[in-house]
C-alpha atoms as a PDB file:
ATOM      1  CA  UNK A   1    -117.810 152.854 -66.379  1.00  0.00           C
ATOM      2  CA  UNK A   2    -119.030 150.162 -63.881  1.00  0.00           C
ATOM      3  CA  UNK A   3    -116.586 151.558 -61.169  1.00  0.00           C
ATOM      4  CA  UNK A   4    -118.178 154.948 -60.707  1.00  0.00           C
ATOM      5  CA  UNK A   5    -118.194 156.469 -57.120  1.00  0.00           C
ATOM      6  CA  UNK A   6    -121.286 156.224 -55.023  1.00  0.00           C
ATOM      7  CA  UNK A   7    -123.899 158.762 -56.258  1.00  0.00           C
ATOM      8  CA  UNK A   8    -122.303 159.702 -59.658  1.00  0.00           C
ATOM      9  CA  UNK A   9    -123.987 159.434 -62.851  1.00  0.00           C
ATOM     10  CA  UNK A  10    -122.373 159.766 -66.245  1.00  0.00           C
ATOM     11  CA  UNK A  11    -124.326 160.521 -69.549  1.00  0.00           C
ATOM     12  CA  UNK A  12    -123.002 160.565 -73.066  1.00  0.00           C
ATOM     13  CA  UNK A  13    -124.237 159.622 -76.491  1.00  0.00           C
ATOM     14  CA  UNK A  14    -123.910 155.897 -75.570  1.00  0.00           C
ATOM     15  CA  UNK A  15    -126.239 156.209 -72.711  1.00  0.00           C
ATOM     16  CA  UNK A  16    -126.263 156.851 -68.966  1.00  0.00           C
ATOM     17  CA  UNK A  17    -124.237 154.928 -66.366  1.00  0.00           C
ATOM     18  CA  UNK A  18    -124.772 155.382 -62.570  1.00  0.00           C
ATOM     19  CA  UNK A  19    -122.595 154.435 -59.729  1.00  0.00           C
ATOM     20  CA  UNK A  20    -123.948 152.700 -56.584  1.00  0.00           C
ATOM     21  CA  UNK A  21    -126.447 154.536 -54.404  1.00  0.00           C
ATOM     22  CA  UNK A  22    -125.307 156.778 -51.715  1.00  0.00           C
ATOM     23  CA  UNK A  23    -124.268 154.999 -48.612  1.00  0.00           C
ATOM     24  CA  UNK A  24    -126.229 155.568 -45.499  1.00  0.00           C
ATOM     25  CA  UNK A  25    -124.534 157.337 -42.558  1.00  0.00           C
ATOM     26  CA  UNK A  26    -124.039 153.976 -40.669  1.00  0.00           C
ATOM     27  CA  UNK A  27    -122.400 152.451 -43.642  1.00  0.00           C
ATOM     28  CA  UNK A  28    -120.019 155.352 -44.158  1.00  0.00           C
ATOM     29  CA  UNK A  29    -119.053 155.234 -40.425  1.00  0.00           C
ATOM     30  CA  UNK A  30    -118.265 151.446 -40.787  1.00  0.00           C
ATOM     31  CA  UNK A  31    -116.181 152.129 -43.826  1.00  0.00           C
ATOM     32  CA  UNK A  32    -114.334 155.049 -42.101  1.00  0.00           C
ATOM     33  CA  UNK A  33    -113.541 152.703 -39.182  1.00  0.00           C
ATOM     34  CA  UNK A  34    -111.890 150.367 -41.601  1.00  0.00           C
ATOM     35  CA  UNK A  35    -109.761 152.947 -43.273  1.00  0.00           C
ATOM     36  CA  UNK A  36    -106.071 152.141 -42.609  1.00  0.00           C
ATOM     37  CA  UNK A  37    -106.893 148.983 -40.844  1.00  0.00           C
ATOM     38  CA  UNK A  38    -104.586 146.199 -42.021  1.00  0.00           C
ATOM     39  CA  UNK A  39    -106.138 142.708 -41.427  1.00  0.00           C
ATOM     40  CA  UNK A  40    -103.456 140.741 -43.048  1.00  0.00           C
ATOM     41  CA  UNK A  41    -102.095 137.990 -40.637  1.00  0.00           C
ATOM     42  CA  UNK A  42     -98.531 139.223 -41.295  1.00  0.00           C
ATOM     43  CA  UNK A  43     -99.477 142.842 -40.288  1.00  0.00           C
ATOM     44  CA  UNK A  44     -98.204 144.430 -36.995  1.00  0.00           C
ATOM     45  CA  UNK A  45    -100.147 143.525 -33.918  1.00  0.00           C
ATOM     46  CA  UNK A  46    -101.093 139.916 -34.936  1.00  0.00           C
ATOM     47  CA  UNK A  47     -98.205 138.415 -32.977  1.00  0.00           C
ATOM     48  CA  UNK A  48     -99.983 139.748 -29.814  1.00  0.00           C
ATOM     49  CA  UNK A  49    -103.076 137.704 -30.684  1.00  0.00           C
ATOM     50  CA  UNK A  50    -103.373 134.551 -28.558  1.00  0.00           C
ATOM     51  CA  UNK A  51    -104.774 131.218 -29.963  1.00  0.00           C
ATOM     52  CA  UNK A  52    -108.128 130.395 -28.683  1.00  0.00           C
ATOM     53  CA  UNK A  53    -107.682 126.623 -28.952  1.00  0.00           C
ATOM     54  CA  UNK A  54    -106.547 124.914 -25.897  1.00  0.00           C
ATOM     55  CA  UNK A  55    -104.307 121.885 -26.029  1.00  0.00           C
ATOM     56  CA  UNK A  56    -105.620 118.807 -24.418  1.00  0.00           C
ATOM     57  CA  UNK A  57    -103.463 116.783 -22.037  1.00  0.00           C
ATOM     58  CA  UNK A  58    -104.805 113.524 -20.809  1.00  0.00           C
ATOM     59  CA  UNK A  59    -103.260 111.651 -17.947  1.00  0.00           C
ATOM     60  CA  UNK A  60    -103.070 107.929 -18.193  1.00  0.00           C
ATOM     61  CA  UNK A  61    -105.470 105.882 -16.121  1.00  0.00           C
ATOM     62  CA  UNK A  62    -102.790 103.796 -14.694  1.00  0.00           C
ATOM     63  CA  UNK A  63     -99.573 106.036 -14.704  1.00  0.00           C
ATOM     64  CA  UNK A  64     -98.582 109.766 -14.535  1.00  0.00           C
ATOM     65  CA  UNK A  65     -97.784 109.628 -18.169  1.00  0.00           C
ATOM     66  CA  UNK A  66     -99.556 112.449 -20.401  1.00  0.00           C
ATOM     67  CA  UNK A  67    -101.104 111.989 -23.821  1.00  0.00           C
ATOM     68  CA  UNK A  68    -102.445 114.504 -26.441  1.00  0.00           C
ATOM     69  CA  UNK A  69    -105.915 112.903 -26.585  1.00  0.00           C
ATOM     70  CA  UNK A  70    -108.050 110.421 -24.683  1.00  0.00           C
ATOM     71  CA  UNK A  71    -108.032 108.073 -27.579  1.00  0.00           C
ATOM     72  CA  UNK A  72    -104.212 107.918 -27.752  1.00  0.00           C
ATOM     73  CA  UNK A  73    -104.039 107.336 -23.867  1.00  0.00           C
ATOM     74  CA  UNK A  74    -106.691 104.501 -23.966  1.00  0.00           C
ATOM     75  CA  UNK A  75    -104.903 102.802 -26.877  1.00  0.00           C
ATOM     76  CA  UNK A  76    -101.645 102.963 -24.840  1.00  0.00           C
ATOM     77  CA  UNK A  77    -103.356 101.593 -21.769  1.00  0.00           C
ATOM     78  CA  UNK A  78    -104.613  98.646 -23.995  1.00  0.00           C
ATOM     79  CA  UNK A  79    -101.281  97.958 -25.788  1.00  0.00           C
ATOM     80  CA  UNK A  80     -98.842  98.574 -23.016  1.00  0.00           C
ATOM     81  CA  UNK A  81    -100.802  97.419 -19.952  1.00  0.00           C
ATOM     82  CA  UNK A  82    -103.504  95.207 -21.156  1.00  0.00           C
ATOM     83  CA  UNK A  83    -106.292  97.351 -19.859  1.00  0.00           C
ATOM     84  CA  UNK A  84    -109.085  98.298 -22.217  1.00  0.00           C
ATOM     85  CA  UNK A  85    -111.520 100.780 -20.688  1.00  0.00           C
ATOM     86  CA  UNK A  86    -113.890 100.621 -23.564  1.00  0.00           C
ATOM     87  CA  UNK A  87    -114.001  96.807 -23.512  1.00  0.00           C
ATOM     88  CA  UNK A  88    -114.748  96.859 -19.780  1.00  0.00           C
ATOM     89  CA  UNK A  89    -117.552  99.364 -20.349  1.00  0.00           C
ATOM     90  CA  UNK A  90    -119.009  97.160 -23.195  1.00  0.00           C
ATOM     91  CA  UNK A  91    -118.538  93.967 -21.141  1.00  0.00           C
ATOM     92  CA  UNK A  92    -120.333  95.271 -18.210  1.00  0.00           C
ATOM     93  CA  UNK A  93    -122.932  97.224 -20.232  1.00  0.00           C
ATOM     94  CA  UNK A  94    -122.153 100.513 -18.376  1.00  0.00           C
ATOM     95  CA  UNK A  95    -123.985 103.750 -19.189  1.00  0.00           C
ATOM     96  CA  UNK A  96    -122.270 107.052 -19.470  1.00  0.00           C
ATOM     97  CA  UNK A  97    -122.572 107.862 -15.565  1.00  0.00           C
ATOM     98  CA  UNK A  98    -121.516 104.369 -14.599  1.00  0.00           C
ATOM     99  CA  UNK A  99    -118.334 104.990 -16.953  1.00  0.00           C
ATOM    100  CA  UNK A 100    -117.651 108.147 -15.293  1.00  0.00           C
ATOM    101  CA  UNK A 101    -117.697 106.399 -11.866  1.00  0.00           C
ATOM    102  CA  UNK A 102    -115.471 103.742 -13.277  1.00  0.00           C
ATOM    103  CA  UNK A 103    -112.910 106.208 -14.436  1.00  0.00           C
ATOM    104  CA  UNK A 104    -112.921 108.008 -11.188  1.00  0.00           C
ATOM    105  CA  UNK A 105    -112.748 104.628  -9.386  1.00  0.00           C
ATOM    106  CA  UNK A 106    -109.629 103.615 -11.241  1.00  0.00           C
ATOM    107  CA  UNK A 107    -108.046 107.075 -10.807  1.00  0.00           C
ATOM    108  CA  UNK A 108    -108.798 106.819  -6.874  1.00  0.00           C
ATOM    109  CA  UNK A 109    -107.373 103.191  -6.820  1.00  0.00           C
ATOM    110  CA  UNK A 110    -104.138 104.385  -8.550  1.00  0.00           C
ATOM    111  CA  UNK A 111    -103.807 107.382  -6.268  1.00  0.00           C
ATOM    112  CA  UNK A 112    -104.258 105.296  -3.189  1.00  0.00           C
ATOM    113  CA  UNK A 113    -101.677 102.765  -4.450  1.00  0.00           C
ATOM    114  CA  UNK A 114    -104.180  99.942  -4.806  1.00  0.00           C
ATOM    115  CA  UNK A 115    -103.621  99.820  -8.548  1.00  0.00           C
ATOM    116  CA  UNK A 116    -100.957 100.592 -11.146  1.00  0.00           C
ATOM    117  CA  UNK A 117     -99.802  99.718 -14.516  1.00  0.00           C
ATOM    118  CA  UNK A 118     -98.398  96.470 -13.126  1.00  0.00           C
ATOM    119  CA  UNK A 119    -101.273  95.807 -10.837  1.00  0.00           C
ATOM    120  CA  UNK A 120    -104.504  96.441 -12.690  1.00  0.00           C
ATOM    121  CA  UNK A 121    -107.531  97.709 -10.774  1.00  0.00           C
ATOM    122  CA  UNK A 122    -110.256  95.027 -10.055  1.00  0.00           C
ATOM    123  CA  UNK A 123    -113.011  96.141 -12.342  1.00  0.00           C
ATOM    124  CA  UNK A 124    -114.994  92.927 -12.457  1.00  0.00           C
ATOM    125  CA  UNK A 125    -117.474  94.020  -9.786  1.00  0.00           C
ATOM    126  CA  UNK A 126    -119.501  97.231 -10.617  1.00  0.00           C
ATOM    127  CA  UNK A 127    -120.585  97.392  -7.067  1.00  0.00           C
ATOM    128  CA  UNK A 128    -117.061  98.577  -6.278  1.00  0.00           C
ATOM    129  CA  UNK A 129    -117.741 102.016  -7.954  1.00  0.00           C
ATOM    130  CA  UNK A 130    -121.355 102.220  -7.499  1.00  0.00           C
ATOM    131  CA  UNK A 131    -121.064 104.761  -4.718  1.00  0.00           C
ATOM    132  CA  UNK A 132    -122.088 108.384  -6.021  1.00  0.00           C
ATOM    133  CA  UNK A 133    -118.844 109.708  -4.585  1.00  0.00           C
ATOM    134  CA  UNK A 134    -117.234 108.413  -7.837  1.00  0.00           C
ATOM    135  CA  UNK A 135    -119.215 111.024  -9.698  1.00  0.00           C
ATOM    136  CA  UNK A 136    -116.808 113.540  -8.310  1.00  0.00           C
ATOM    137  CA  UNK A 137    -113.680 113.759 -10.353  1.00  0.00           C
ATOM    138  CA  UNK A 138    -110.644 112.059  -8.715  1.00  0.00           C
ATOM    139  CA  UNK A 139    -108.320 114.171 -10.947  1.00  0.00           C
ATOM    140  CA  UNK A 140    -108.931 117.913 -11.158  1.00  0.00           C
ATOM    141  CA  UNK A 141    -109.965 119.022 -14.598  1.00  0.00           C
ATOM    142  CA  UNK A 142    -109.624 115.455 -15.905  1.00  0.00           C
ATOM    143  CA  UNK A 143    -109.568 115.758 -19.642  1.00  0.00           C
ATOM    144  CA  UNK A 144    -110.586 112.038 -20.024  1.00  0.00           C
ATOM    145  CA  UNK A 145    -113.949 113.037 -18.449  1.00  0.00           C
ATOM    146  CA  UNK A 146    -114.410 115.889 -20.830  1.00  0.00           C
ATOM    147  CA  UNK A 147    -113.677 113.624 -23.774  1.00  0.00           C
ATOM    148  CA  UNK A 148    -115.735 110.569 -22.463  1.00  0.00           C
ATOM    149  CA  UNK A 149    -118.932 111.442 -24.334  1.00  0.00           C
ATOM    150  CA  UNK A 150    -117.011 111.790 -27.694  1.00  0.00           C
ATOM    151  CA  UNK A 151    -115.159 108.454 -27.064  1.00  0.00           C
ATOM    152  CA  UNK A 152    -118.284 106.605 -26.268  1.00  0.00           C
ATOM    153  CA  UNK A 153    -120.088 107.906 -29.357  1.00  0.00           C
ATOM    154  CA  UNK A 154    -117.201 106.754 -31.472  1.00  0.00           C
ATOM    155  CA  UNK A 155    -117.287 103.340 -29.849  1.00  0.00           C
ATOM    156  CA  UNK A 156    -120.959 103.067 -30.470  1.00  0.00           C
ATOM    157  CA  UNK A 157    -120.659 104.233 -34.128  1.00  0.00           C
ATOM    158  CA  UNK A 158    -117.976 101.671 -34.761  1.00  0.00           C
ATOM    159  CA  UNK A 159    -120.091  99.004 -33.242  1.00  0.00           C
ATOM    160  CA  UNK A 160    -123.150 100.087 -35.308  1.00  0.00           C
ATOM    161  CA  UNK A 161    -121.241 100.231 -38.604  1.00  0.00           C
ATOM    162  CA  UNK A 162    -118.959  97.210 -38.242  1.00  0.00           C
ATOM    163  CA  UNK A 163    -120.130  94.255 -40.402  1.00  0.00           C
ATOM    164  CA  UNK A 164    -120.941  91.052 -38.719  1.00  0.00           C
ATOM    165  CA  UNK A 165    -118.219  88.269 -39.130  1.00  0.00           C
ATOM    166  CA  UNK A 166    -118.518  86.834 -42.545  1.00  0.00           C
ATOM    167  CA  UNK A 167    -120.769  89.514 -43.789  1.00  0.00           C
ATOM    168  CA  UNK A 168    -118.040  91.037 -45.994  1.00  0.00           C
ATOM    169  CA  UNK A 169    -117.820  87.688 -47.890  1.00  0.00           C
ATOM    170  CA  UNK A 170    -121.615  87.600 -48.406  1.00  0.00           C
ATOM    171  CA  UNK A 171    -121.685  91.119 -49.741  1.00  0.00           C
ATOM    172  CA  UNK A 172    -118.664  90.376 -52.115  1.00  0.00           C
ATOM    173  CA  UNK A 173    -120.494  87.117 -53.331  1.00  0.00           C
ATOM    174  CA  UNK A 174    -123.701  88.993 -53.907  1.00  0.00           C
ATOM    175  CA  UNK A 175    -121.940  91.645 -56.010  1.00  0.00           C
ATOM    176  CA  UNK A 176    -120.164  88.948 -57.947  1.00  0.00           C
ATOM    177  CA  UNK A 177    -123.381  87.212 -58.755  1.00  0.00           C
ATOM    178  CA  UNK A 178    -125.112  90.440 -59.662  1.00  0.00           C
ATOM    179  CA  UNK A 179    -122.324  91.133 -62.305  1.00  0.00           C
ATOM    180  CA  UNK A 180    -122.826  87.743 -64.096  1.00  0.00           C
END
């Protein structure tokens, strides 16, 4: 008896049972609009829907090679070419905007033929990319620049959570002593 239509009431010797209250006009209109609407992913019409997610393509700092993420690209630059952007940033203590300038400086040097995968750019002197012109992207829609904030946060988190050398042994020794 729990599934009575809206507004119905049934009474018998066992008692009275009432269906849900009447729907408002707005609620009825919404339900009417949904009648016959098939929202299953395999129903007709879904194949026309476009995926809202965009695939990211990041160009290497030193070559024309493309990568699925900035993290993968930076790892490739480090392992294949011996260039570690995050280590340079950390070593020179660069802030976010200085790092943007560094990326655009490197891209400009590569585009001008002054640097490549075999001839790494000179990044030892921050005055080389101090000019505000390097705040302008050297590569249109540079996915690395869009990912930079996230990469730098990850780098900072790893630094903050990484134990100091030997600290792991100290923690293990303390736990062992505590068990005894």
